[in-house]
PDB file of N, CA and C in Angstrom:
ATOM      1  N   MET A   1       0.881  -1.241   0.087  1.00  0.00           N
ATOM      2  CA  MET A   1       0.012   0.003  -0.236  1.00  0.00           C
ATOM      3  C   MET A   1       1.078   1.254   0.182  1.00  0.00           C
ATOM      4  N   LYS A   2       0.603   2.277  -0.835  1.00  0.00           N
ATOM      5  CA  LYS A   2       1.158   3.373  -0.783  1.00  0.00           C
ATOM      6  C   LYS A   2       0.643   4.482   0.219  1.00  0.00           C
ATOM      7  N   VAL A   3       1.355   5.329   0.652  1.00  0.00           N
ATOM      8  CA  VAL A   3       0.760   6.217   1.616  1.00  0.00           C
ATOM      9  C   VAL A   3       1.400   7.533   1.212  1.00  0.00           C
ATOM     10  N   VAL A   4       0.656   8.280   0.966  1.00  0.00           N
ATOM     11  CA  VAL A   4       0.781   9.881   0.741  1.00  0.00           C
ATOM     12  C   VAL A   4       0.459  10.903   1.614  1.00  0.00           C
ATOM     13  N   LEU A   5       1.458  11.230   2.399  1.00  0.00           N
ATOM     14  CA  LEU A   5       1.035  12.141   3.670  1.00  0.00           C
ATOM     15  C   LEU A   5       1.385  13.499   3.323  1.00  0.00           C
ATOM     16  N   HIS A   6       0.553  14.557   3.440  1.00  0.00           N
ATOM     17  CA  HIS A   6       0.429  15.882   3.127  1.00  0.00           C
ATOM     18  C   HIS A   6       0.503  16.412   4.394  1.00  0.00           C
ATOM     19  N   ILE A   7       1.558  17.434   5.024  1.00  0.00           N
ATOM     20  CA  ILE A   7       1.498  17.872   6.026  1.00  0.00           C
ATOM     21  C   ILE A   7       1.377  19.392   5.858  1.00  0.00           C
ATOM     22  N   ASP A   8       0.428  20.130   6.150  1.00  0.00           N
ATOM     23  CA  ASP A   8       0.298  21.317   5.776  1.00  0.00           C
ATOM     24  C   ASP A   8       0.512  22.350   6.187  1.00  0.00           C
ATOM     25  N   ARG A   9       0.605  22.358   7.700  1.00  0.00           N
ATOM     26  CA  ARG A   9       1.485  23.105   8.566  1.00  0.00           C
ATOM     27  C   ARG A   9       2.351  22.253   9.550  1.00  0.00           C
ATOM     28  N   LEU A  10       3.597  22.680  10.048  1.00  0.00           N
ATOM     29  CA  LEU A  10       4.281  22.038  11.007  1.00  0.00           C
ATOM     30  C   LEU A  10       4.769  22.865  11.754  1.00  0.00           C
ATOM     31  N   VAL A  11       4.095  23.256  12.911  1.00  0.00           N
ATOM     32  CA  VAL A  11       5.016  24.230  13.818  1.00  0.00           C
ATOM     33  C   VAL A  11       5.622  23.543  15.041  1.00  0.00           C
ATOM     34  N   LEU A  12       6.825  24.241  14.747  1.00  0.00           N
ATOM     35  CA  LEU A  12       8.071  23.344  16.160  1.00  0.00           C
ATOM     36  C   LEU A  12       8.607  24.431  16.782  1.00  0.00           C
ATOM     37  N   HIS A  13       8.343  24.831  18.064  1.00  0.00           N
ATOM     38  CA  HIS A  13       8.526  25.997  18.629  1.00  0.00           C
ATOM     39  C   HIS A  13       9.994  25.557  19.151  1.00  0.00           C
ATOM     40  N   GLY A  14      10.863  26.589  19.113  1.00  0.00           N
ATOM     41  CA  GLY A  14      12.178  26.262  19.674  1.00  0.00           C
ATOM     42  C   GLY A  14      13.174  25.954  18.572  1.00  0.00           C
ATOM     43  N   VAL A  15      12.841  25.672  17.270  1.00  0.00           N
ATOM     44  CA  VAL A  15      13.803  24.979  16.413  1.00  0.00           C
ATOM     45  C   VAL A  15      14.730  25.999  15.451  1.00  0.00           C
ATOM     46  N   ALA A  16      15.765  26.363  15.625  1.00  0.00           N
ATOM     47  CA  ALA A  16      16.260  27.228  14.922  1.00  0.00           C
ATOM     48  C   ALA A  16      16.337  26.982  13.427  1.00  0.00           C
ATOM     49  N   PRO A  17      16.131  28.065  12.540  1.00  0.00           N
ATOM     50  CA  PRO A  17      16.231  28.192  11.114  1.00  0.00           C
ATOM     51  C   PRO A  17      17.233  27.218  10.381  1.00  0.00           C
ATOM     52  N   ALA A  18      18.170  27.591  10.870  1.00  0.00           N
ATOM     53  CA  ALA A  18      19.280  26.516  10.529  1.00  0.00           C
ATOM     54  C   ALA A  18      19.284  25.183  10.654  1.00  0.00           C
ATOM     55  N   GLU A  19      18.440  24.622  11.558  1.00  0.00           N
ATOM     56  CA  GLU A  19      18.293  23.094  11.629  1.00  0.00           C
ATOM     57  C   GLU A  19      17.147  22.519  10.923  1.00  0.00           C
ATOM     58  N   ARG A  20      16.387  23.695  10.200  1.00  0.00           N
ATOM     59  CA  ARG A  20      15.191  23.198   9.662  1.00  0.00           C
ATOM     60  C   ARG A  20      15.508  22.042   8.603  1.00  0.00           C
ATOM     61  N   ASP A  21      16.468  22.244   7.594  1.00  0.00           N
ATOM     62  CA  ASP A  21      16.410  21.102   6.598  1.00  0.00           C
ATOM     63  C   ASP A  21      16.932  19.825   7.176  1.00  0.00           C
ATOM     64  N   ALA A  22      17.808  19.794   8.107  1.00  0.00           N
ATOM     65  CA  ALA A  22      18.106  18.299   8.664  1.00  0.00           C
ATOM     66  C   ALA A  22      16.868  17.757   9.563  1.00  0.00           C
ATOM     67  N   LEU A  23      16.250  18.596  10.182  1.00  0.00           N
ATOM     68  CA  LEU A  23      15.117  18.271  10.631  1.00  0.00           C
ATOM     69  C   LEU A  23      13.881  17.573  10.251  1.00  0.00           C
ATOM     70  N   VAL A  24      13.745  18.465   8.528  1.00  0.00           N
ATOM     71  CA  VAL A  24      12.695  17.986   7.713  1.00  0.00           C
ATOM     72  C   VAL A  24      13.282  16.484   7.210  1.00  0.00           C
ATOM     73  N   ALA A  25      14.594  16.159   7.042  1.00  0.00           N
ATOM     74  CA  ALA A  25      15.107  15.160   6.406  1.00  0.00           C
ATOM     75  C   ALA A  25      14.971  13.913   7.645  1.00  0.00           C
ATOM     76  N   ALA A  26      15.139  14.151   8.745  1.00  0.00           N
ATOM     77  CA  ALA A  26      15.136  13.428   9.684  1.00  0.00           C
ATOM     78  C   ALA A  26      13.546  13.160   9.863  1.00  0.00           C
ATOM     79  N   LEU A  27      12.853  13.966   9.938  1.00  0.00           N
ATOM     80  CA  LEU A  27      11.338  13.526  10.070  1.00  0.00           C
ATOM     81  C   LEU A  27      10.686  12.752   8.850  1.00  0.00           C
ATOM     82  N   HIS A  28      11.367  13.039   7.673  1.00  0.00           N
ATOM     83  CA  HIS A  28      10.737  12.267   6.496  1.00  0.00           C
ATOM     84  C   HIS A  28      11.069  10.807   6.660  1.00  0.00           C
ATOM     85  N   ALA A  29      12.189  10.457   7.283  1.00  0.00           N
ATOM     86  CA  ALA A  29      12.739   9.102   7.267  1.00  0.00           C
ATOM     87  C   ALA A  29      12.231   8.419   8.398  1.00  0.00           C
ATOM     88  N   ALA A  30      12.001   9.130   9.547  1.00  0.00           N
ATOM     89  CA  ALA A  30      11.135   8.663  10.578  1.00  0.00           C
ATOM     90  C   ALA A  30       9.809   8.178  10.368  1.00  0.00           C
ATOM     91  N   LEU A  31       8.990   9.034   9.246  1.00  0.00           N
ATOM     92  CA  LEU A  31       7.582   9.283   9.053  1.00  0.00           C
ATOM     93  C   LEU A  31       7.595   7.625   8.124  1.00  0.00           C
ATOM     94  N   GLN A  32       8.605   7.518   7.410  1.00  0.00           N
ATOM     95  CA  GLN A  32       8.635   6.451   6.251  1.00  0.00           C
ATOM     96  C   GLN A  32       8.813   5.021   7.138  1.00  0.00           C
ATOM     97  N   HIS A  33       9.932   5.130   7.937  1.00  0.00           N
ATOM     98  CA  HIS A  33       9.640   3.799   8.919  1.00  0.00           C
ATOM     99  C   HIS A  33       8.700   3.624   9.621  1.00  0.00           C
ATOM    100  N   GLY A  34       7.950   4.590  10.231  1.00  0.00           N
ATOM    101  CA  GLY A  34       6.932   4.639  11.156  1.00  0.00           C
ATOM    102  C   GLY A  34       5.668   3.981  10.344  1.00  0.00           C
ATOM    103  N   PHE A  35       5.339   4.316   9.046  1.00  0.00           N
ATOM    104  CA  PHE A  35       4.190   4.069   8.166  1.00  0.00           C
ATOM    105  C   PHE A  35       4.445   2.600   7.353  1.00  0.00           C
ATOM    106  N   ALA A  36       5.946   2.439   7.540  1.00  0.00           N
ATOM    107  CA  ALA A  36       6.067   0.724   7.185  1.00  0.00           C
ATOM    108  C   ALA A  36       5.918  -0.097   7.940  1.00  0.00           C
ATOM    109  N   GLN A  37       5.205   0.048   9.126  1.00  0.00           N
ATOM    110  CA  GLN A  37       5.108  -1.075  10.303  1.00  0.00           C
ATOM    111  C   GLN A  37       3.970  -1.574  10.097  1.00  0.00           C
ATOM    112  N   PRO A  38       3.542  -3.036  10.039  1.00  0.00           N
ATOM    113  CA  PRO A  38       2.465  -3.559  10.012  1.00  0.00           C
ATOM    114  C   PRO A  38       1.064  -3.051  10.466  1.00  0.00           C
ATOM    115  N   GLY A  39      -0.043  -2.849   9.349  1.00  0.00           N
ATOM    116  CA  GLY A  39      -1.061  -2.297  10.015  1.00  0.00           C
ATOM    117  C   GLY A  39      -1.373  -0.762   9.884  1.00  0.00           C
ATOM    118  N   VAL A  40      -0.176  -0.038  10.016  1.00  0.00           N
ATOM    119  CA  VAL A  40      -0.311   1.266  10.321  1.00  0.00           C
ATOM    120  C   VAL A  40      -0.878   2.109   9.032  1.00  0.00           C
ATOM    121  N   ALA A  41      -0.431   1.867   7.807  1.00  0.00           N
ATOM    122  CA  ALA A  41      -1.348   2.578   6.562  1.00  0.00           C
ATOM    123  C   ALA A  41      -2.398   1.841   6.511  1.00  0.00           C
ATOM    124  N   GLU A  42      -2.725   0.683   6.724  1.00  0.00           N
ATOM    125  CA  GLU A  42      -4.197   0.119   6.634  1.00  0.00           C
ATOM    126  C   GLU A  42      -5.070   0.965   7.433  1.00  0.00           C
ATOM    127  N   ARG A  43      -4.650   1.267   8.772  1.00  0.00           N
ATOM    128  CA  ARG A  43      -5.390   1.870   9.625  1.00  0.00           C
ATOM    129  C   ARG A  43      -5.602   3.206   9.323  1.00  0.00           C
ATOM    130  N   TRP A  44      -4.660   4.069   8.898  1.00  0.00           N
ATOM    131  CA  TRP A  44      -4.871   5.503   8.364  1.00  0.00           C
ATOM    132  C   TRP A  44      -6.088   5.540   7.125  1.00  0.00           C
ATOM    133  N   ALA A  45      -5.537   4.727   6.180  1.00  0.00           N
ATOM    134  CA  ALA A  45      -6.451   4.522   5.046  1.00  0.00           C
ATOM    135  C   ALA A  45      -7.727   4.294   5.092  1.00  0.00           C
ATOM    136  N   ALA A  46      -8.027   3.336   6.342  1.00  0.00           N
ATOM    137  CA  ALA A  46      -9.462   3.148   6.571  1.00  0.00           C
ATOM    138  C   ALA A  46     -10.205   4.432   7.390  1.00  0.00           C
ATOM    139  N   SER A  47      -9.353   5.262   7.779  1.00  0.00           N
ATOM    140  CA  SER A  47     -10.084   6.114   8.883  1.00  0.00           C
ATOM    141  C   SER A  47     -10.830   7.061   8.258  1.00  0.00           C
ATOM    142  N   PRO A  48     -12.221   7.752   8.519  1.00  0.00           N
ATOM    143  CA  PRO A  48     -12.955   8.657   7.962  1.00  0.00           C
ATOM    144  C   PRO A  48     -12.057   9.944   8.570  1.00  0.00           C
ATOM    145  N   SER A  49     -11.398   9.937   9.561  1.00  0.00           N
ATOM    146  CA  SER A  49     -10.854  10.946  10.113  1.00  0.00           C
ATOM    147  C   SER A  49      -9.339  11.385   9.660  1.00  0.00           C
ATOM    148  N   ARG A  50      -8.835  10.682   8.655  1.00  0.00           N
ATOM    149  CA  ARG A  50      -7.594  10.849   8.087  1.00  0.00           C
ATOM    150  C   ARG A  50      -7.196  12.014   7.261  1.00  0.00           C
ATOM    151  N   ASP A  51      -8.294  12.709   7.072  1.00  0.00           N
ATOM    152  CA  ASP A  51      -7.990  14.168   6.040  1.00  0.00           C
ATOM    153  C   ASP A  51      -7.372  15.266   7.206  1.00  0.00           C
ATOM    154  N   ARG A  52      -7.936  15.120   8.555  1.00  0.00           N
ATOM    155  CA  ARG A  52      -7.497  16.250   9.372  1.00  0.00           C
ATOM    156  C   ARG A  52      -6.994  15.776  10.674  1.00  0.00           C
ATOM    157  N   ASN A  53      -5.853  15.961  11.165  1.00  0.00           N
ATOM    158  CA  ASN A  53      -5.390  15.623  12.204  1.00  0.00           C
ATOM    159  C   ASN A  53      -4.360  16.581  12.980  1.00  0.00           C
ATOM    160  N   ARG A  54      -4.623  16.717  14.263  1.00  0.00           N
ATOM    161  CA  ARG A  54      -3.683  17.651  14.960  1.00  0.00           C
ATOM    162  C   ARG A  54      -3.032  16.877  16.183  1.00  0.00           C
ATOM    163  N   HIS A  55      -1.935  17.154  16.190  1.00  0.00           N
ATOM    164  CA  HIS A  55      -1.023  16.386  17.129  1.00  0.00           C
ATOM    165  C   HIS A  55      -0.188  17.243  18.137  1.00  0.00           C
ATOM    166  N   ASN A  56      -0.387  17.230  19.315  1.00  0.00           N
ATOM    167  CA  ASN A  56       0.664  17.715  20.409  1.00  0.00           C
ATOM    168  C   ASN A  56       1.417  16.900  20.755  1.00  0.00           C
ATOM    169  N   PHE A  57       2.721  16.847  21.182  1.00  0.00           N
ATOM    170  CA  PHE A  57       3.616  16.047  21.903  1.00  0.00           C
ATOM    171  C   PHE A  57       4.813  16.761  22.599  1.00  0.00           C
ATOM    172  N   THR A  58       5.657  16.198  23.500  1.00  0.00           N
ATOM    173  CA  THR A  58       6.560  16.673  24.149  1.00  0.00           C
ATOM    174  C   THR A  58       7.871  15.656  23.645  1.00  0.00           C
ATOM    175  N   PRO A  59       8.847  16.246  22.658  1.00  0.00           N
ATOM    176  CA  PRO A  59       9.960  15.361  22.178  1.00  0.00           C
ATOM    177  C   PRO A  59      10.649  14.783  23.308  1.00  0.00           C
ATOM    178  N   ALA A  60      11.274  13.821  22.931  1.00  0.00           N
ATOM    179  CA  ALA A  60      12.517  13.254  23.827  1.00  0.00           C
ATOM    180  C   ALA A  60      13.689  14.119  23.387  1.00  0.00           C
ATOM    181  N   PRO A  61      14.405  14.452  24.521  1.00  0.00           N
ATOM    182  CA  PRO A  61      15.692  15.256  24.618  1.00  0.00           C
ATOM    183  C   PRO A  61      16.446  14.876  23.170  1.00  0.00           C
ATOM    184  N   GLY A  62      16.761  15.652  22.114  1.00  0.00           N
ATOM    185  CA  GLY A  62      17.455  15.330  21.149  1.00  0.00           C
ATOM    186  C   GLY A  62      16.978  14.413  20.120  1.00  0.00           C
ATOM    187  N   GLN A  63      15.582  14.076  20.301  1.00  0.00           N
ATOM    188  CA  GLN A  63      14.891  13.374  19.436  1.00  0.00           C
ATOM    189  C   GLN A  63      13.783  13.856  18.704  1.00  0.00           C
ATOM    190  N   LEU A  64      13.671  15.198  18.222  1.00  0.00           N
ATOM    191  CA  LEU A  64      12.564  15.840  17.803  1.00  0.00           C
ATOM    192  C   LEU A  64      11.918  15.286  16.607  1.00  0.00           C
ATOM    193  N   ALA A  65      12.787  14.870  15.612  1.00  0.00           N
ATOM    194  CA  ALA A  65      12.075  14.216  14.284  1.00  0.00           C
ATOM    195  C   ALA A  65      11.520  13.023  14.632  1.00  0.00           C
ATOM    196  N   GLN A  66      12.185  12.167  15.440  1.00  0.00           N
ATOM    197  CA  GLN A  66      11.660  10.740  15.822  1.00  0.00           C
ATOM    198  C   GLN A  66      10.267  10.864  16.757  1.00  0.00           C
ATOM    199  N   SER A  67      10.511  11.703  17.807  1.00  0.00           N
ATOM    200  CA  SER A  67       9.255  11.968  18.353  1.00  0.00           C
ATOM    201  C   SER A  67       8.338  12.488  17.821  1.00  0.00           C
ATOM    202  N   ALA A  68       8.200  13.500  16.732  1.00  0.00           N
ATOM    203  CA  ALA A  68       7.118  13.871  15.660  1.00  0.00           C
ATOM    204  C   ALA A  68       6.564  12.999  14.992  1.00  0.00           C
ATOM    205  N   ALA A  69       7.358  12.108  14.501  1.00  0.00           N
ATOM    206  CA  ALA A  69       7.241  10.932  13.533  1.00  0.00           C
ATOM    207  C   ALA A  69       6.366   9.689  14.553  1.00  0.00           C
ATOM    208  N   GLN A  70       6.526   9.628  15.693  1.00  0.00           N
ATOM    209  CA  GLN A  70       5.886   8.628  16.735  1.00  0.00           C
ATOM    210  C   GLN A  70       4.517   9.412  16.918  1.00  0.00           C
ATOM    211  N   ALA A  71       4.347  10.529  17.157  1.00  0.00           N
ATOM    212  CA  ALA A  71       3.288  11.299  17.480  1.00  0.00           C
ATOM    213  C   ALA A  71       2.120  11.030  16.571  1.00  0.00           C
ATOM    214  N   LEU A  72       2.484  11.162  15.218  1.00  0.00           N
ATOM    215  CA  LEU A  72       1.896  11.151  13.828  1.00  0.00           C
ATOM    216  C   LEU A  72       1.551   9.966  13.738  1.00  0.00           C
ATOM    217  N   VAL A  73       2.177   8.775  13.816  1.00  0.00           N
ATOM    218  CA  VAL A  73       1.934   7.454  13.454  1.00  0.00           C
ATOM    219  C   VAL A  73       0.937   6.758  14.606  1.00  0.00           C
ATOM    220  N   ALA A  74       1.372   6.950  15.854  1.00  0.00           N
ATOM    221  CA  ALA A  74       0.804   6.446  16.789  1.00  0.00           C
ATOM    222  C   ALA A  74      -0.777   7.058  17.146  1.00  0.00           C
ATOM    223  N   GLY A  75      -0.681   8.414  16.825  1.00  0.00           N
ATOM    224  CA  GLY A  75      -1.656   9.268  17.483  1.00  0.00           C
ATOM    225  C   GLY A  75      -2.562   9.442  16.348  1.00  0.00           C
ATOM    226  N   GLY A  76      -2.658   8.803  15.106  1.00  0.00           N
ATOM    227  CA  GLY A  76      -3.401   8.980  14.056  1.00  0.00           C
ATOM    228  C   GLY A  76      -4.680   8.464  14.211  1.00  0.00           C
ATOM    229  N   PRO A  77      -5.466   8.344  13.335  1.00  0.00           N
ATOM    230  CA  PRO A  77      -6.828   8.217  13.720  1.00  0.00           C
ATOM    231  C   PRO A  77      -7.091   6.458  13.937  1.00  0.00           C
ATOM    232  N   PRO A  78      -8.181   6.416  14.752  1.00  0.00           N
ATOM    233  CA  PRO A  78      -8.215   5.078  15.491  1.00  0.00           C
ATOM    234  C   PRO A  78      -8.775   3.719  14.884  1.00  0.00           C
TER     235      PRO A  78
END
């Protein structure tokens, strides 16, 4: 199954502009890994609420991209 995820807006407080590109690349990799886990893509595809989701999370120190990806994958549609 192919998953296309569009993030319209991503607000990350406390991230320096110079860190943006590295963070985006790390988030992309972490999301690819997360959505590759068994059942995740199917759960998202089957959900009627998949078109709009909002997630708030507290990242683990030094793990912002990984924490963001985990929040999106795990906190997605039921």
